[in-house]
């Protein structure tokens, strides 16, 4: 039997980009592919196994109460060490502000590195863990091993993190468990290593950081929609069957089966090392507004002699404030170039408060309009609107430079969608001197390939239901 895992959340969250492309605009799939080629063997294994397979390692370590130095460092964090509110996606931040996450403050130390898990949220879809590490560098946990009530857990995973102040690195890891977990359970988390990214080249630090955390599944505000007759679409030799839609305060989940021919290696299209394609989905509500994607994962099993492959697919998206009448899912294919000789086309404009709005082309993908900039004492806020076929990706490919071409560092986790204004965003940057000549820049993006024939409508309400 052959098992295959895939997780585009891994592709969306890993770091390190193509050397010829600015890190803030490089495709995150490009980043993963290029970084995995350059990484030493231990890191290639680390990234693939920790994110997309069932882990099968056993370790021993100890966890204690919060350490005095970490306690002081946490007090220095503006949100009292809340990694969820600092860098969480929209669903995580909303859940944290609603007070429905579990505060933890469980600490472990090894190799001089102190890590504290600050919050946990499990809503039946994803298990999110917020943490802070007392360090002046970009050090992130790895070698994840999870146990639920003593049994090893299979999962897919993705994460994000960044420095918050001089003494702390804050991060979030989102785990997609295989199967449902109990309403209440004891979660044991072991990290068998840390990876230091601060020196340019990743450095593995072996050790053991173990945590034991009581977890209670979120029950309030959860709606589960199943179907007597699954919404189905078929085109040529590919079939999509939707099994379940789950709405929680933190995430929207669509579970489905994708059935397609099992190609042999000889039949697989030859794209070479300079191009990579990924299949994914866009999801729209009944008003035609695209939902922000949080990640996709899938698991397929085949036997010798099989001619079809069935992949159990899950799409994770931003939460919705109310239940729409229906959702539309649209399969898309994205092509990414890893050609070191590829020439990128940029668009730029002078960032002058008195001459806004300005519109910059993003090629066939669409355009971005800068509507406002705020120069504040502790940060700079760039307001903009995106028009195009892939608005959330387009929104991530915007940055600011000074007249020497130096880029102001930003974090994707500081990109906020404006509530009530579709495809309008605010991106936080470091504080800037408004008297200096500044440029806002973006890049031309390749268009998506849309499989209109496989577009599928998913009803969420009965005809007379309001």
Protein backbone atom coordinates (compact mmCIF):
# COMPACT_ATOMS: atom_id res chain seq x y z
CA UNK A 1 0.00 0.00 0.00
CA UNK A 2 1.29 3.44 -0.93
CA UNK A 3 0.47 6.49 1.16
CA UNK A 4 0.95 10.04 0.02
CA UNK A 5 0.60 13.23 2.07
CA UNK A 6 0.49 16.72 0.71
CA UNK A 7 0.01 19.99 2.55
CA UNK A 8 -0.01 23.37 0.84
CA UNK A 9 0.02 24.98 4.25
CA UNK A 10 3.61 23.72 4.43
CA UNK A 11 4.34 25.42 1.12
CA UNK A 12 2.63 28.58 2.32
CA UNK A 13 4.51 28.87 5.60
CA UNK A 14 8.13 27.77 5.10
CA UNK A 15 10.78 30.39 4.77
CA UNK A 16 13.82 31.27 2.66
CA UNK A 17 13.32 32.46 -0.89
CA UNK A 18 14.94 32.36 -4.30
CA UNK A 19 18.12 34.49 -4.02
CA UNK A 20 17.21 36.71 -6.99
CA UNK A 21 13.74 37.61 -5.72
CA UNK A 22 12.97 39.88 -2.72
CA UNK A 23 11.85 37.69 0.17
CA UNK A 24 8.63 39.61 0.72
CA UNK A 25 7.36 38.95 -2.81
CA UNK A 26 8.80 35.54 -3.61
CA UNK A 27 6.21 32.81 -3.99
CA UNK A 28 6.03 30.71 -0.86
CA UNK A 29 6.09 27.58 -2.98
CA UNK A 30 9.27 28.90 -4.59
CA UNK A 31 10.63 29.48 -1.11
CA UNK A 32 10.06 25.91 -0.01
CA UNK A 33 11.39 24.25 -3.13
CA UNK A 34 14.48 26.39 -3.30
CA UNK A 35 15.21 26.15 0.42
CA UNK A 36 14.79 22.38 0.51
CA UNK A 37 17.28 22.01 -2.33
CA UNK A 38 19.83 24.06 -0.40
CA UNK A 39 19.22 22.58 3.04
CA UNK A 40 21.42 19.89 4.54
CA UNK A 41 19.96 16.41 4.70
CA UNK A 42 18.74 16.72 8.29
CA UNK A 43 16.65 19.79 7.41
CA UNK A 44 15.11 18.30 4.27
CA UNK A 45 14.01 15.34 6.34
CA UNK A 46 12.93 17.65 9.16
CA UNK A 47 10.67 19.80 7.00
CA UNK A 48 9.08 17.03 5.01
CA UNK A 49 8.48 14.72 7.95
CA UNK A 50 7.43 17.28 10.53
CA UNK A 51 4.86 18.83 8.24
CA UNK A 52 3.30 16.15 6.10
CA UNK A 53 3.66 12.67 7.53
CA UNK A 54 2.71 10.74 10.63
CA UNK A 55 5.62 11.09 13.03
CA UNK A 56 7.02 7.98 14.70
CA UNK A 57 9.75 8.99 17.13
CA UNK A 58 9.90 8.51 20.90
CA UNK A 59 11.71 10.93 23.24
CA UNK A 60 11.97 11.68 26.96
CA UNK A 61 12.32 15.05 28.66
CA UNK A 62 10.81 17.19 31.43
CA UNK A 63 8.72 20.34 31.68
CA UNK A 64 8.49 22.73 34.57
CA UNK A 65 6.84 25.87 35.73
CA UNK A 66 7.51 29.20 34.06
CA UNK A 67 11.07 30.40 34.56
CA UNK A 68 11.81 33.80 36.15
CA UNK A 69 13.66 35.20 33.12
CA UNK A 70 10.88 34.11 30.79
CA UNK A 71 8.26 35.54 33.11
CA UNK A 72 9.98 38.91 32.96
CA UNK A 73 10.33 38.68 29.20
CA UNK A 74 6.65 37.88 28.84
CA UNK A 75 5.79 40.96 30.86
CA UNK A 76 7.73 42.98 28.31
CA UNK A 77 5.51 41.78 25.45
CA UNK A 78 2.76 44.31 24.64
CA UNK A 79 0.03 41.62 24.57
CA UNK A 80 1.34 39.77 27.62
CA UNK A 81 2.94 37.03 25.61
CA UNK A 82 -0.09 36.32 23.44
CA UNK A 83 1.39 34.77 20.31
CA UNK A 84 -2.15 34.30 18.99
CA UNK A 85 -2.88 38.02 19.01
CA UNK A 86 0.61 39.00 17.90
CA UNK A 87 0.95 36.87 14.77
CA UNK A 88 -2.15 34.70 14.39
CA UNK A 89 -4.25 34.61 11.25
CA UNK A 90 -7.63 36.31 11.25
CA UNK A 91 -9.43 33.32 12.79
CA UNK A 92 -6.86 32.85 15.55
CA UNK A 93 -6.88 36.55 16.45
CA UNK A 94 -10.67 36.68 16.55
CA UNK A 95 -10.77 33.60 18.80
CA UNK A 96 -8.16 35.07 21.13
CA UNK A 97 -10.03 38.37 21.43
CA UNK A 98 -13.26 36.46 22.08
CA UNK A 99 -11.53 34.73 24.98
CA UNK A 100 -12.23 31.21 23.70
CA UNK A 101 -8.59 30.09 23.57
CA UNK A 102 -6.97 28.27 26.49
CA UNK A 103 -4.17 30.10 28.29
CA UNK A 104 -1.36 27.71 29.16
CA UNK A 105 2.03 29.21 30.22
CA UNK A 106 3.80 25.82 30.21
CA UNK A 107 7.58 26.08 29.96
CA UNK A 108 10.49 23.76 29.09
CA UNK A 109 14.21 24.45 28.85
CA UNK A 110 17.11 22.62 27.22
CA UNK A 111 20.43 23.62 25.65
CA UNK A 112 20.00 27.08 27.16
CA UNK A 113 16.81 27.67 25.16
CA UNK A 114 13.61 28.36 27.06
CA UNK A 115 10.29 27.84 25.28
CA UNK A 116 6.85 28.63 26.70
CA UNK A 117 3.55 27.53 25.20
CA UNK A 118 1.18 30.42 25.86
CA UNK A 119 -2.14 29.35 24.30
CA UNK A 120 -3.90 26.39 22.72
CA UNK A 121 -7.04 26.20 20.58
CA UNK A 122 -8.72 23.08 19.21
CA UNK A 123 -12.01 23.58 17.37
CA UNK A 124 -12.31 20.15 15.76
CA UNK A 125 -10.50 21.30 12.62
CA UNK A 126 -7.04 22.42 13.64
CA UNK A 127 -5.02 22.30 16.82
CA UNK A 128 -3.21 25.62 17.18
CA UNK A 129 -0.36 26.17 19.62
CA UNK A 130 1.09 29.60 20.39
CA UNK A 131 4.57 29.85 21.85
CA UNK A 132 7.35 32.25 22.74
CA UNK A 133 11.07 31.48 22.90
CA UNK A 134 13.44 33.57 24.99
CA UNK A 135 16.11 34.38 22.43
CA UNK A 136 17.58 37.21 20.44
CA UNK A 137 17.64 35.09 17.29
CA UNK A 138 15.20 33.49 14.87
CA UNK A 139 14.99 30.10 16.58
CA UNK A 140 12.03 27.83 15.88
CA UNK A 141 10.97 24.44 17.28
CA UNK A 142 11.13 21.36 15.09
CA UNK A 143 10.97 17.58 15.24
CA UNK A 144 7.37 17.73 16.48
CA UNK A 145 6.00 14.61 18.19
CA UNK A 146 2.44 14.70 19.48
CA UNK A 147 0.58 12.30 21.78
CA UNK A 148 -3.13 12.42 22.61
CA UNK A 149 -3.92 10.52 25.82
CA UNK A 150 -0.69 8.59 25.33
CA UNK A 151 -1.30 7.64 21.68
CA UNK A 152 0.90 9.04 18.94
CA UNK A 153 -0.91 11.48 16.66
CA UNK A 154 -0.58 11.71 12.88
CA UNK A 155 -0.93 15.20 11.49
CA UNK A 156 -0.03 17.78 8.89
CA UNK A 157 1.36 21.10 10.05
CA UNK A 158 2.29 24.65 9.18
CA UNK A 159 3.38 27.67 11.16
CA UNK A 160 4.59 31.23 11.36
CA UNK A 161 6.74 33.28 13.69
CA UNK A 162 8.76 36.45 14.18
CA UNK A 163 10.74 38.42 16.73
CA UNK A 164 8.75 40.59 19.13
CA UNK A 165 11.16 42.93 20.84
CA UNK A 166 14.80 42.20 21.55
CA UNK A 167 14.34 39.18 23.78
CA UNK A 168 11.48 37.09 22.42
CA UNK A 169 10.59 35.11 19.32
CA UNK A 170 6.83 34.39 19.05
CA UNK A 171 5.32 31.70 16.86
CA UNK A 172 2.27 29.60 16.10
CA UNK A 173 2.08 26.01 14.89
CA UNK A 174 -1.16 24.77 13.34
CA UNK A 175 -1.63 21.00 13.40
CA UNK A 176 -4.22 19.25 11.26
CA UNK A 177 -4.91 15.99 13.12
CA UNK A 178 -5.89 12.89 11.19
CA UNK A 179 -9.36 12.11 12.45
CA UNK A 180 -11.34 13.63 15.29
CA UNK A 181 -9.88 14.04 18.76
CA UNK A 182 -11.79 13.57 22.04
CA UNK A 183 -13.81 16.37 23.60
CA UNK A 184 -11.17 16.57 26.32
CA UNK A 185 -7.68 15.10 26.22
CA UNK A 186 -4.16 15.39 27.50
CA UNK A 187 -1.77 16.62 24.82
CA UNK A 188 1.91 15.79 25.14
CA UNK A 189 4.08 17.76 22.73
CA UNK A 190 7.75 16.98 22.23
CA UNK A 191 10.17 18.99 20.11
CA UNK A 192 13.42 17.13 19.56
CA UNK A 193 15.31 20.06 18.08
CA UNK A 194 15.37 23.79 17.42
CA UNK A 195 16.46 25.38 14.14
CA UNK A 196 18.40 28.64 14.25
CA UNK A 197 17.73 30.71 11.11
CA UNK A 198 19.48 33.87 12.26
CA UNK A 199 22.84 33.15 10.62
CA UNK A 200 21.57 32.84 7.07
CA UNK A 201 22.14 29.08 6.91
CA UNK A 202 19.90 26.93 9.13
CA UNK A 203 21.56 25.35 12.15
CA UNK A 204 20.00 22.43 14.02
CA UNK A 205 20.20 22.39 17.81
CA UNK A 206 19.34 18.94 19.16
CA UNK A 207 17.62 18.70 22.51
CA UNK A 208 14.26 17.92 24.09
CA UNK A 209 11.44 20.29 24.96
CA UNK A 210 8.36 18.53 26.34
CA UNK A 211 4.96 19.89 27.35
CA UNK A 212 1.87 18.30 28.88
CA UNK A 213 -1.26 20.33 28.22
CA UNK A 214 -4.92 19.63 29.05
CA UNK A 215 -7.04 20.51 26.01
CA UNK A 216 -10.81 20.98 25.74
CA UNK A 217 -12.44 21.07 22.32
CA UNK A 218 -14.26 24.28 21.51
CA UNK A 219 -18.03 23.69 21.43
CA UNK A 220 -19.64 27.11 21.07
CA UNK A 221 -20.31 28.63 17.67
CA UNK A 222 -19.60 25.46 15.68
CA UNK A 223 -21.86 24.48 12.77
CA UNK A 224 -21.38 21.20 10.90
CA UNK A 225 -23.12 20.61 7.55
CA UNK A 226 -23.25 17.09 6.14
CA UNK A 227 -25.12 15.88 3.07
CA UNK A 228 -27.52 13.02 2.34
CA UNK A 229 -26.40 13.36 -1.25
CA UNK A 230 -22.90 14.75 -1.58
CA UNK A 231 -22.46 17.77 -3.89
CA UNK A 232 -20.54 16.28 -6.81
CA UNK A 233 -18.94 17.47 -10.02
CA UNK A 234 -17.23 15.40 -12.70
CA UNK A 235 -15.28 16.43 -15.76
CA UNK A 236 -13.44 13.96 -17.97
CA UNK A 237 -11.69 11.58 -15.56
CA UNK A 238 -11.74 13.72 -12.39
CA UNK A 239 -14.51 13.71 -9.76
CA UNK A 240 -14.96 15.88 -6.65
CA UNK A 241 -17.36 14.85 -3.85
CA UNK A 242 -17.92 17.23 -0.92
CA UNK A 243 -18.52 15.36 2.35
CA UNK A 244 -18.69 17.98 5.07
CA UNK A 245 -18.47 21.71 5.76
CA UNK A 246 -17.60 22.93 9.26
CA UNK A 247 -17.83 26.52 10.44
CA UNK A 248 -16.13 27.56 13.69
CA UNK A 249 -15.19 30.95 15.17
CA UNK A 250 -11.60 30.31 14.04
CA UNK A 251 -11.83 28.57 10.68
CA UNK A 252 -14.05 27.30 7.86
CA UNK A 253 -13.33 23.75 6.71
CA UNK A 254 -14.42 21.88 3.58
CA UNK A 255 -13.77 18.13 3.45
CA UNK A 256 -14.05 16.29 0.16
CA UNK A 257 -12.80 13.37 -1.91
CA UNK A 258 -10.93 13.98 -5.14
CA UNK A 259 -10.89 10.96 -7.45
CA UNK A 260 -8.62 10.92 -10.49
CA UNK A 261 -6.49 8.51 -12.53
CA UNK A 262 -3.33 7.19 -10.95
CA UNK A 263 -0.57 8.16 -13.37
CA UNK A 264 2.62 6.20 -13.65
CA UNK A 265 5.93 8.01 -13.43
CA UNK A 266 6.27 7.83 -17.20
CA UNK A 267 2.87 9.50 -17.65
CA UNK A 268 3.52 12.37 -15.26
CA UNK A 269 4.02 15.65 -17.16
CA UNK A 270 7.65 16.68 -17.40
CA UNK A 271 8.09 20.21 -16.10
CA UNK A 272 11.76 20.11 -15.20
CA UNK A 273 13.37 21.80 -12.24
CA UNK A 274 12.69 25.35 -13.47
CA UNK A 275 8.92 25.17 -13.07
CA UNK A 276 6.56 23.81 -10.47
CA UNK A 277 2.77 23.55 -10.48
CA UNK A 278 0.37 23.19 -7.58
CA UNK A 279 -3.32 22.37 -7.67
CA UNK A 280 -5.52 24.19 -5.21
CA UNK A 281 -8.96 25.66 -4.67
CA UNK A 282 -10.54 29.08 -4.43
CA UNK A 283 -13.72 29.37 -2.38
CA UNK A 284 -16.39 32.07 -2.71
CA UNK A 285 -19.45 32.89 -0.60
CA UNK A 286 -22.94 33.54 -1.97
CA UNK A 287 -22.02 37.21 -2.58
CA UNK A 288 -19.11 36.24 -4.82
CA UNK A 289 -16.47 37.24 -2.24
CA UNK A 290 -13.43 35.00 -2.03
CA UNK A 291 -12.59 33.55 1.38
CA UNK A 292 -9.01 33.86 2.54
CA UNK A 293 -7.25 30.49 2.47
CA UNK A 294 -5.47 29.17 5.55
CA UNK A 295 -4.15 26.00 3.92
CA UNK A 296 -5.02 22.74 2.21
CA UNK A 297 -4.01 19.20 3.06
CA UNK A 298 -4.70 15.80 1.62
CA UNK A 299 -4.07 12.12 2.18
CA UNK A 300 -4.31 9.39 -0.44
CA UNK A 301 -3.86 5.65 -0.28
CA UNK A 302 -3.41 3.33 -3.25
CA UNK A 303 -2.80 -0.36 -3.75
CA UNK A 304 -0.85 -2.13 -6.47
CA UNK A 305 -3.09 -2.53 -9.51
CA UNK A 306 -5.24 0.52 -8.75
CA UNK A 307 -6.06 2.76 -11.70
CA UNK A 308 -7.74 5.50 -9.64
CA UNK A 309 -6.46 7.49 -6.70
CA UNK A 310 -8.81 8.90 -4.06
CA UNK A 311 -7.45 11.81 -2.06
CA UNK A 312 -9.18 12.89 1.14
CA UNK A 313 -8.80 16.64 0.83
CA UNK A 314 -9.40 19.39 3.38
CA UNK A 315 -9.52 23.12 2.63
CA UNK A 316 -9.12 25.51 5.58
CA UNK A 317 -10.35 29.07 5.19
CA UNK A 318 -11.10 32.23 7.14
CA UNK A 319 -14.13 32.09 9.45
CA UNK A 320 -17.41 33.61 8.30
CA UNK A 321 -19.51 35.93 10.50
CA UNK A 322 -22.74 34.28 9.31
CA UNK A 323 -23.77 31.21 7.36
CA UNK A 324 -24.16 31.93 3.63
CA UNK A 325 -26.73 30.16 1.49
CA UNK A 326 -23.97 28.39 -0.37
CA UNK A 327 -20.27 28.28 -1.17
CA UNK A 328 -18.60 27.90 -4.56
CA UNK A 329 -15.34 25.98 -4.86
CA UNK A 330 -13.20 26.51 -7.93
CA UNK A 331 -10.14 24.33 -8.70
CA UNK A 332 -7.11 26.32 -9.84
CA UNK A 333 -3.55 25.56 -10.88
CA UNK A 334 -0.66 27.84 -10.01
CA UNK A 335 2.65 27.74 -11.87
CA UNK A 336 5.81 28.88 -10.08
CA UNK A 337 9.17 29.48 -11.69
CA UNK A 338 12.38 28.37 -9.98
CA UNK A 339 14.54 29.53 -12.89
CA UNK A 340 17.45 31.57 -11.46
CA UNK A 341 17.67 33.46 -14.76
CA UNK A 342 14.03 34.52 -14.83
CA UNK A 343 13.57 38.29 -15.17
CA UNK A 344 10.89 39.72 -12.92
CA UNK A 345 8.88 42.80 -13.86
CA UNK A 346 8.32 45.35 -11.10
CA UNK A 347 5.98 48.31 -10.76
CA UNK A 348 6.63 51.20 -8.40
CA UNK A 349 5.27 54.56 -7.37
CA UNK A 350 6.30 57.45 -5.14
CA UNK A 351 4.78 57.08 -1.67
CA UNK A 352 3.59 60.66 -1.24
CA UNK A 353 0.67 61.24 1.15
CA UNK A 354 -0.52 64.20 -0.93
CA UNK A 355 -0.67 62.24 -4.21
CA UNK A 356 -2.69 59.22 -3.21
CA UNK A 357 -4.36 57.11 -4.44
CA UNK A 358 -1.95 55.54 -6.92
CA UNK A 359 -2.45 52.29 -8.84
CA UNK A 360 0.29 49.78 -9.69
CA UNK A 361 -0.03 46.97 -12.21
CA UNK A 362 0.56 43.36 -11.14
CA UNK A 363 0.48 42.10 -14.71
CA UNK A 364 -2.18 39.66 -15.85
CA UNK A 365 -3.06 38.91 -12.23
CA UNK A 366 -4.53 42.39 -11.62
CA UNK A 367 -3.55 45.60 -9.85
CA UNK A 368 -3.16 47.24 -6.45
CA UNK A 369 -4.30 50.73 -5.45
CA UNK A 370 -2.55 52.48 -2.56
CA UNK A 371 -5.19 54.59 -0.81
CA UNK A 372 -3.52 55.85 2.36
CA UNK A 373 -0.32 55.78 4.40
CA UNK A 374 0.00 56.54 8.12
CA UNK A 375 3.40 57.47 9.56
CA UNK A 376 3.05 56.74 13.26
CA UNK A 377 5.62 56.86 16.04
CA UNK A 378 5.99 53.09 16.40
CA UNK A 379 4.86 51.83 12.99
CA UNK A 380 3.87 52.71 9.45
CA UNK A 381 0.50 51.57 8.09
CA UNK A 382 -0.05 51.13 4.36
CA UNK A 383 -3.70 50.98 3.24
CA UNK A 384 -4.48 49.47 -0.16
CA UNK A 385 -7.07 47.69 -2.28
CA UNK A 386 -6.45 44.77 -4.61
CA UNK A 387 -8.28 43.96 -7.85
CA UNK A 388 -7.60 40.65 -9.55
CA UNK A 389 -8.04 36.91 -9.65
CA UNK A 390 -5.87 36.00 -6.62
CA UNK A 391 -6.32 38.93 -4.19
CA UNK A 392 -4.78 37.44 -1.06
CA UNK A 393 -1.59 36.42 -2.87
CA UNK A 394 -1.51 39.79 -4.63
CA UNK A 395 -1.78 41.55 -1.26
CA UNK A 396 1.33 39.79 0.00
CA UNK A 397 3.50 41.06 -2.88
CA UNK A 398 3.67 44.73 -1.90
CA UNK A 399 6.55 46.41 -0.08
CA UNK A 400 8.25 49.75 0.57
CA UNK A 401 11.81 50.82 -0.32
CA UNK A 402 13.90 53.91 0.35
CA UNK A 403 15.74 55.79 -2.41
CA UNK A 404 18.78 53.47 -2.09
CA UNK A 405 16.63 50.41 -2.69
CA UNK A 406 16.69 49.20 0.92
CA UNK A 407 13.53 47.29 1.76
CA UNK A 408 11.56 47.89 4.93
CA UNK A 409 11.00 44.50 6.50
CA UNK A 410 7.43 43.40 6.98
CA UNK A 411 5.68 40.26 8.16
CA UNK A 412 2.80 38.52 6.39
CA UNK A 413 1.24 38.08 9.83
CA UNK A 414 0.96 41.90 10.02
CA UNK A 415 -1.21 41.99 6.90
CA UNK A 416 -4.81 42.58 7.99
CA UNK A 417 -7.94 42.40 5.86
CA UNK A 418 -10.30 45.32 6.45
CA UNK A 419 -13.62 44.06 7.78
CA UNK A 420 -16.55 44.91 5.53
CA UNK A 421 -14.37 46.00 2.60
CA UNK A 422 -13.55 43.00 0.38
CA UNK A 423 -9.94 42.83 -0.81
CA UNK A 424 -8.93 45.91 1.18
CA UNK A 425 -5.91 45.53 3.45
CA UNK A 426 -3.66 47.27 5.95
CA UNK A 427 0.00 46.23 6.07
CA UNK A 428 2.11 47.19 9.07
CA UNK A 429 5.74 48.24 8.52
CA UNK A 430 8.41 49.58 10.88
CA UNK A 431 8.35 53.33 11.63
CA UNK A 432 9.63 55.48 8.73
CA UNK A 433 10.68 59.09 8.28
CA UNK A 434 7.93 60.68 6.20
CA UNK A 435 10.31 63.39 4.98
CA UNK A 436 12.45 60.83 3.10
CA UNK A 437 11.63 59.84 -0.50
CA UNK A 438 9.97 56.42 -0.33
CA UNK A 439 8.72 54.05 -3.01
CA UNK A 440 5.97 51.45 -2.87
CA UNK A 441 6.62 48.46 -5.12
CA UNK A 442 4.99 45.29 -6.36
CA UNK A 443 5.68 42.63 -8.96
CA UNK A 444 3.87 41.21 -11.98
CA UNK A 445 2.34 37.83 -11.20
CA UNK A 446 1.50 34.94 -13.49
CA UNK A 447 -2.22 34.29 -14.00
CA UNK A 448 -4.01 31.27 -12.58
CA UNK A 449 -5.34 28.39 -14.64
CA UNK A 450 -8.99 27.98 -13.63
CA UNK A 451 -10.86 24.69 -14.15
CA UNK A 452 -14.31 26.18 -14.70
CA UNK A 453 -15.72 22.75 -15.61
CA UNK A 454 -15.02 21.52 -12.06
CA UNK A 455 -16.60 24.48 -10.29
CA UNK A 456 -19.01 23.20 -7.64
CA UNK A 457 -21.82 24.80 -5.62
CA UNK A 458 -22.17 23.64 -2.00
CA UNK A 459 -25.58 24.43 -0.42
CA UNK A 460 -25.37 25.30 3.28
CA UNK A 461 -29.02 26.20 3.90
CA UNK A 462 -32.30 24.52 3.05
CA UNK A 463 -34.53 26.40 0.55
CA UNK A 464 -36.76 27.90 3.30
CA UNK A 465 -34.02 28.32 5.90
CA UNK A 466 -32.94 31.85 6.87
